[in-house]
PDB file of N, CA and C in Angstrom:
ATOM      1  N   MET A   1       7.037 -19.649  -5.445  1.00  0.00           N
ATOM      2  CA  MET A   1       6.861 -18.281  -5.883  1.00  0.00           C
ATOM      3  C   MET A   1       7.684 -17.358  -4.992  1.00  0.00           C
ATOM      4  N   GLU A   2       8.309 -16.390  -5.605  1.00  0.00           N
ATOM      5  CA  GLU A   2       9.162 -15.457  -4.878  1.00  0.00           C
ATOM      6  C   GLU A   2       8.325 -14.482  -4.049  1.00  0.00           C
ATOM      7  N   LYS A   3       8.827 -14.113  -2.879  1.00  0.00           N
ATOM      8  CA  LYS A   3       8.145 -13.185  -1.988  1.00  0.00           C
ATOM      9  C   LYS A   3       8.059 -11.799  -2.625  1.00  0.00           C
ATOM     10  N   SER A   4       6.904 -11.166  -2.527  1.00  0.00           N
ATOM     11  CA  SER A   4       6.727  -9.802  -3.029  1.00  0.00           C
ATOM     12  C   SER A   4       7.187  -8.804  -1.975  1.00  0.00           C
ATOM     13  N   VAL A   5       7.776  -7.712  -2.435  1.00  0.00           N
ATOM     14  CA  VAL A   5       8.224  -6.641  -1.547  1.00  0.00           C
ATOM     15  C   VAL A   5       7.671  -5.311  -2.052  1.00  0.00           C
ATOM     16  N   PHE A   6       7.727  -4.297  -1.214  1.00  0.00           N
ATOM     17  CA  PHE A   6       7.249  -2.978  -1.589  1.00  0.00           C
ATOM     18  C   PHE A   6       8.339  -2.192  -2.301  1.00  0.00           C
ATOM     19  N   VAL A   7       7.929  -1.436  -3.310  1.00  0.00           N
ATOM     20  CA  VAL A   7       8.802  -0.487  -3.998  1.00  0.00           C
ATOM     21  C   VAL A   7       8.092   0.855  -3.916  1.00  0.00           C
ATOM     22  N   ARG A   8       8.795   1.867  -3.454  1.00  0.00           N
ATOM     23  CA  ARG A   8       8.171   3.182  -3.302  1.00  0.00           C
ATOM     24  C   ARG A   8       8.696   4.154  -4.329  1.00  0.00           C
ATOM     25  N   GLY A   9       7.850   5.063  -4.708  1.00  0.00           N
ATOM     26  CA  GLY A   9       8.228   6.143  -5.604  1.00  0.00           C
ATOM     27  C   GLY A   9       7.188   7.244  -5.501  1.00  0.00           C
ATOM     28  N   ARG A  10       7.548   8.396  -5.980  1.00  0.00           N
ATOM     29  CA  ARG A  10       6.621   9.525  -5.917  1.00  0.00           C
ATOM     30  C   ARG A  10       6.255   9.993  -7.316  1.00  0.00           C
ATOM     31  N   VAL A  11       4.964  10.238  -7.497  1.00  0.00           N
ATOM     32  CA  VAL A  11       4.438  10.838  -8.717  1.00  0.00           C
ATOM     33  C   VAL A  11       3.372  11.846  -8.289  1.00  0.00           C
ATOM     34  N   THR A  12       2.974  12.685  -9.212  1.00  0.00           N
ATOM     35  CA  THR A  12       1.923  13.651  -8.880  1.00  0.00           C
ATOM     36  C   THR A  12       0.590  12.927  -8.716  1.00  0.00           C
ATOM     37  N   GLU A  13      -0.346  13.585  -8.056  1.00  0.00           N
ATOM     38  CA  GLU A  13      -1.677  13.004  -7.885  1.00  0.00           C
ATOM     39  C   GLU A  13      -2.333  12.744  -9.237  1.00  0.00           C
ATOM     40  N   THR A  14      -2.084  13.640 -10.187  1.00  0.00           N
ATOM     41  CA  THR A  14      -2.667  13.486 -11.522  1.00  0.00           C
ATOM     42  C   THR A  14      -2.139  12.232 -12.209  1.00  0.00           C
ATOM     43  N   VAL A  15      -0.832  12.009 -12.130  1.00  0.00           N
ATOM     44  CA  VAL A  15      -0.237  10.822 -12.748  1.00  0.00           C
ATOM     45  C   VAL A  15      -0.788   9.566 -12.081  1.00  0.00           C
ATOM     46  N   ARG A  16      -0.877   9.570 -10.769  1.00  0.00           N
ATOM     47  CA  ARG A  16      -1.415   8.406 -10.054  1.00  0.00           C
ATOM     48  C   ARG A  16      -2.852   8.130 -10.466  1.00  0.00           C
ATOM     49  N   ALA A  17      -3.665   9.167 -10.540  1.00  0.00           N
ATOM     50  CA  ALA A  17      -5.070   8.994 -10.918  1.00  0.00           C
ATOM     51  C   ALA A  17      -5.196   8.439 -12.337  1.00  0.00           C
ATOM     52  N   ARG A  18      -4.392   8.956 -13.251  1.00  0.00           N
ATOM     53  CA  ARG A  18      -4.417   8.463 -14.635  1.00  0.00           C
ATOM     54  C   ARG A  18      -3.974   7.006 -14.701  1.00  0.00           C
ATOM     55  N   PHE A  19      -2.916   6.680 -13.958  1.00  0.00           N
ATOM     56  CA  PHE A  19      -2.397   5.313 -13.931  1.00  0.00           C
ATOM     57  C   PHE A  19      -3.437   4.353 -13.353  1.00  0.00           C
ATOM     58  N   LYS A  20      -4.029   4.743 -12.237  1.00  0.00           N
ATOM     59  CA  LYS A  20      -5.044   3.911 -11.586  1.00  0.00           C
ATOM     60  C   LYS A  20      -6.228   3.676 -12.522  1.00  0.00           C
ATOM     61  N   SER A  21      -6.665   4.720 -13.195  1.00  0.00           N
ATOM     62  CA  SER A  21      -7.788   4.624 -14.128  1.00  0.00           C
ATOM     63  C   SER A  21      -7.459   3.717 -15.314  1.00  0.00           C
ATOM     64  N   ALA A  22      -6.266   3.898 -15.884  1.00  0.00           N
ATOM     65  CA  ALA A  22      -5.855   3.081 -17.032  1.00  0.00           C
ATOM     66  C   ALA A  22      -5.763   1.608 -16.638  1.00  0.00           C
ATOM     67  N   CYS A  23      -5.243   1.336 -15.457  1.00  0.00           N
ATOM     68  CA  CYS A  23      -5.158  -0.051 -14.978  1.00  0.00           C
ATOM     69  C   CYS A  23      -6.560  -0.642 -14.817  1.00  0.00           C
ATOM     70  N   ALA A  24      -7.469   0.130 -14.229  1.00  0.00           N
ATOM     71  CA  ALA A  24      -8.839  -0.348 -14.025  1.00  0.00           C
ATOM     72  C   ALA A  24      -9.531  -0.628 -15.353  1.00  0.00           C
ATOM     73  N   LEU A  25      -9.309   0.233 -16.332  1.00  0.00           N
ATOM     74  CA  LEU A  25      -9.917   0.035 -17.650  1.00  0.00           C
ATOM     75  C   LEU A  25      -9.447  -1.260 -18.302  1.00  0.00           C
ATOM     76  N   GLN A  26      -8.233  -1.684 -17.979  1.00  0.00           N
ATOM     77  CA  GLN A  26      -7.685  -2.930 -18.529  1.00  0.00           C
ATOM     78  C   GLN A  26      -7.880  -4.107 -17.570  1.00  0.00           C
ATOM     79  N   ASN A  27      -8.613  -3.850 -16.476  1.00  0.00           N
ATOM     80  CA  ASN A  27      -8.871  -4.882 -15.469  1.00  0.00           C
ATOM     81  C   ASN A  27      -7.569  -5.489 -14.943  1.00  0.00           C
ATOM     82  N   ARG A  28      -6.603  -4.615 -14.675  1.00  0.00           N
ATOM     83  CA  ARG A  28      -5.301  -5.039 -14.153  1.00  0.00           C
ATOM     84  C   ARG A  28      -5.022  -4.287 -12.866  1.00  0.00           C
ATOM     85  N   THR A  29      -4.217  -4.892 -12.012  1.00  0.00           N
ATOM     86  CA  THR A  29      -3.822  -4.192 -10.795  1.00  0.00           C
ATOM     87  C   THR A  29      -2.658  -3.256 -11.105  1.00  0.00           C
ATOM     88  N   MET A  30      -2.551  -2.219 -10.304  1.00  0.00           N
ATOM     89  CA  MET A  30      -1.423  -1.301 -10.453  1.00  0.00           C
ATOM     90  C   MET A  30      -0.119  -2.051 -10.192  1.00  0.00           C
ATOM     91  N   ASP A  31      -0.130  -2.972  -9.238  1.00  0.00           N
ATOM     92  CA  ASP A  31       1.064  -3.769  -8.932  1.00  0.00           C
ATOM     93  C   ASP A  31       1.542  -4.555 -10.145  1.00  0.00           C
ATOM     94  N   SER A  32       0.613  -5.222 -10.831  1.00  0.00           N
ATOM     95  CA  SER A  32       1.021  -6.058 -11.963  1.00  0.00           C
ATOM     96  C   SER A  32       1.572  -5.218 -13.110  1.00  0.00           C
ATOM     97  N   VAL A  33       0.980  -4.049 -13.335  1.00  0.00           N
ATOM     98  CA  VAL A  33       1.472  -3.173 -14.403  1.00  0.00           C
ATOM     99  C   VAL A  33       2.840  -2.612 -14.034  1.00  0.00           C
ATOM    100  N   MET A  34       3.015  -2.209 -12.772  1.00  0.00           N
ATOM    101  CA  MET A  34       4.316  -1.687 -12.347  1.00  0.00           C
ATOM    102  C   MET A  34       5.401  -2.749 -12.476  1.00  0.00           C
ATOM    103  N   GLU A  35       5.089  -3.984 -12.099  1.00  0.00           N
ATOM    104  CA  GLU A  35       6.081  -5.052 -12.228  1.00  0.00           C
ATOM    105  C   GLU A  35       6.447  -5.258 -13.701  1.00  0.00           C
ATOM    106  N   GLU A  36       5.449  -5.262 -14.568  1.00  0.00           N
ATOM    107  CA  GLU A  36       5.708  -5.420 -16.005  1.00  0.00           C
ATOM    108  C   GLU A  36       6.587  -4.286 -16.530  1.00  0.00           C
ATOM    109  N   LEU A  37       6.276  -3.058 -16.138  1.00  0.00           N
ATOM    110  CA  LEU A  37       7.069  -1.909 -16.580  1.00  0.00           C
ATOM    111  C   LEU A  37       8.512  -2.003 -16.091  1.00  0.00           C
ATOM    112  N   ILE A  38       8.696  -2.384 -14.841  1.00  0.00           N
ATOM    113  CA  ILE A  38      10.050  -2.505 -14.286  1.00  0.00           C
ATOM    114  C   ILE A  38      10.828  -3.598 -15.004  1.00  0.00           C
ATOM    115  N   LEU A  39      10.201  -4.754 -15.215  1.00  0.00           N
ATOM    116  CA  LEU A  39      10.886  -5.850 -15.907  1.00  0.00           C
ATOM    117  C   LEU A  39      11.254  -5.464 -17.338  1.00  0.00           C
ATOM    118  N   ASN A  40      10.350  -4.766 -18.031  1.00  0.00           N
ATOM    119  CA  ASN A  40      10.660  -4.302 -19.389  1.00  0.00           C
ATOM    120  C   ASN A  40      11.826  -3.322 -19.378  1.00  0.00           C
ATOM    121  N   TRP A  41      11.850  -2.415 -18.408  1.00  0.00           N
ATOM    122  CA  TRP A  41      12.933  -1.433 -18.312  1.00  0.00           C
ATOM    123  C   TRP A  41      14.259  -2.139 -18.031  1.00  0.00           C
ATOM    124  N   LEU A  42      14.239  -3.112 -17.122  1.00  0.00           N
ATOM    125  CA  LEU A  42      15.460  -3.862 -16.821  1.00  0.00           C
ATOM    126  C   LEU A  42      15.974  -4.587 -18.056  1.00  0.00           C
ATOM    127  N   GLU A  43      15.088  -5.175 -18.829  1.00  0.00           N
ATOM    128  CA  GLU A  43      15.485  -5.877 -20.044  1.00  0.00           C
ATOM    129  C   GLU A  43      16.112  -4.908 -21.048  1.00  0.00           C
ATOM    130  N   GLN A  44      15.586  -3.699 -21.144  1.00  0.00           N
ATOM    131  CA  GLN A  44      16.153  -2.692 -22.050  1.00  0.00           C
ATOM    132  C   GLN A  44      17.547  -2.265 -21.602  1.00  0.00           C
ATOM    133  N   GLN A  45      17.789  -2.267 -20.302  1.00  0.00           N
ATOM    134  CA  GLN A  45      19.084  -1.846 -19.783  1.00  0.00           C
ATOM    135  C   GLN A  45      20.165  -2.870 -20.073  1.00  0.00           C
ATOM    136  N   ASN A  46      19.780  -4.138 -20.043  1.00  0.00           N
ATOM    137  CA  ASN A  46      20.740  -5.209 -20.272  1.00  0.00           C
ATOM    138  C   ASN A  46      20.015  -6.397 -20.892  1.00  0.00           C
ATOM    139  N   PRO A  47      19.826  -6.379 -22.206  1.00  0.00           N
ATOM    140  CA  PRO A  47      19.051  -7.429 -22.868  1.00  0.00           C
ATOM    141  C   PRO A  47      19.639  -8.830 -22.717  1.00  0.00           C
ATOM    142  N   ASN A  48      20.918  -8.953 -22.392  1.00  0.00           N
ATOM    143  CA  ASN A  48      21.549 -10.268 -22.277  1.00  0.00           C
ATOM    144  C   ASN A  48      21.369 -10.909 -20.908  1.00  0.00           C
ATOM    145  N   SER A  49      20.853 -10.147 -19.950  1.00  0.00           N
ATOM    146  CA  SER A  49      20.655 -10.710 -18.614  1.00  0.00           C
ATOM    147  C   SER A  49      19.240 -11.248 -18.501  1.00  0.00           C
ATOM    148  N   THR A  50      19.022 -12.038 -17.459  1.00  0.00           N
ATOM    149  CA  THR A  50      17.677 -12.543 -17.229  1.00  0.00           C
ATOM    150  C   THR A  50      16.991 -11.651 -16.217  1.00  0.00           C
ATOM    151  N   ALA A  51      15.810 -11.196 -16.536  1.00  0.00           N
ATOM    152  CA  ALA A  51      15.056 -10.334 -15.629  1.00  0.00           C
ATOM    153  C   ALA A  51      14.642 -11.088 -14.371  1.00  0.00           C
ATOM    154  N   GLN A  52      14.666 -12.410 -14.411  1.00  0.00           N
ATOM    155  CA  GLN A  52      14.264 -13.211 -13.264  1.00  0.00           C
ATOM    156  C   GLN A  52      15.358 -13.290 -12.202  1.00  0.00           C
ATOM    157  N   ASN A  53      16.595 -12.895 -12.527  1.00  0.00           N
ATOM    158  CA  ASN A  53      17.704 -13.022 -11.595  1.00  0.00           C
ATOM    159  C   ASN A  53      18.171 -11.645 -11.137  1.00  0.00           C
ATOM    160  N   PRO A  54      17.665 -11.157  -9.990  1.00  0.00           N
ATOM    161  CA  PRO A  54      18.026  -9.815  -9.538  1.00  0.00           C
ATOM    162  C   PRO A  54      19.483  -9.683  -9.123  1.00  0.00           C
ATOM    163  N   LYS A  55      20.209 -10.792  -8.926  1.00  0.00           N
ATOM    164  CA  LYS A  55      21.605 -10.710  -8.513  1.00  0.00           C
ATOM    165  C   LYS A  55      22.534 -10.437  -9.682  1.00  0.00           C
ATOM    166  N   VAL A  56      22.029 -10.532 -10.914  1.00  0.00           N
ATOM    167  CA  VAL A  56      22.836 -10.214 -12.085  1.00  0.00           C
ATOM    168  C   VAL A  56      22.955  -8.701 -12.151  1.00  0.00           C
ATOM    169  N   GLN A  57      24.183  -8.197 -12.115  1.00  0.00           N
ATOM    170  CA  GLN A  57      24.395  -6.758 -12.105  1.00  0.00           C
ATOM    171  C   GLN A  57      24.551  -6.219 -13.509  1.00  0.00           C
ATOM    172  N   ASN A  58      24.080  -5.014 -13.675  1.00  0.00           N
ATOM    173  CA  ASN A  58      24.203  -4.318 -14.939  1.00  0.00           C
ATOM    174  C   ASN A  58      25.645  -3.855 -15.084  1.00  0.00           C
ATOM    175  N   PRO A  59      26.362  -4.258 -16.152  1.00  0.00           N
ATOM    176  CA  PRO A  59      27.762  -3.859 -16.306  1.00  0.00           C
ATOM    177  C   PRO A  59      27.933  -2.351 -16.444  1.00  0.00           C
ATOM    178  N   LYS A  60      26.904  -1.638 -16.858  1.00  0.00           N
ATOM    179  CA  LYS A  60      26.980  -0.179 -16.969  1.00  0.00           C
ATOM    180  C   LYS A  60      27.086   0.473 -15.597  1.00  0.00           C
ATOM    181  N   ALA A  61      26.592  -0.213 -14.574  1.00  0.00           N
ATOM    182  CA  ALA A  61      26.594   0.345 -13.224  1.00  0.00           C
ATOM    183  C   ALA A  61      27.953   0.212 -12.552  1.00  0.00           C
ATOM    184  N   SER A  62      28.840  -0.585 -13.094  1.00  0.00           N
ATOM    185  CA  SER A  62      30.150  -0.810 -12.467  1.00  0.00           C
ATOM    186  C   SER A  62      31.100   0.325 -12.736  1.00  0.00           C
TER     187      SER A  62
END
């Protein structure tokens, strides 16, 4: 299993509270939902790449 690392970002207290509540209602951790959201976003950016390989660069970024 790959090592987990921290990702930081800022949101308002209201957004955090809503997110935390929604995660709890679904019996999910905030970490697992954030990872799912990030992986989905990465797939939308480059559907032909594998989300499991972080070394694959997005050609739009070049």
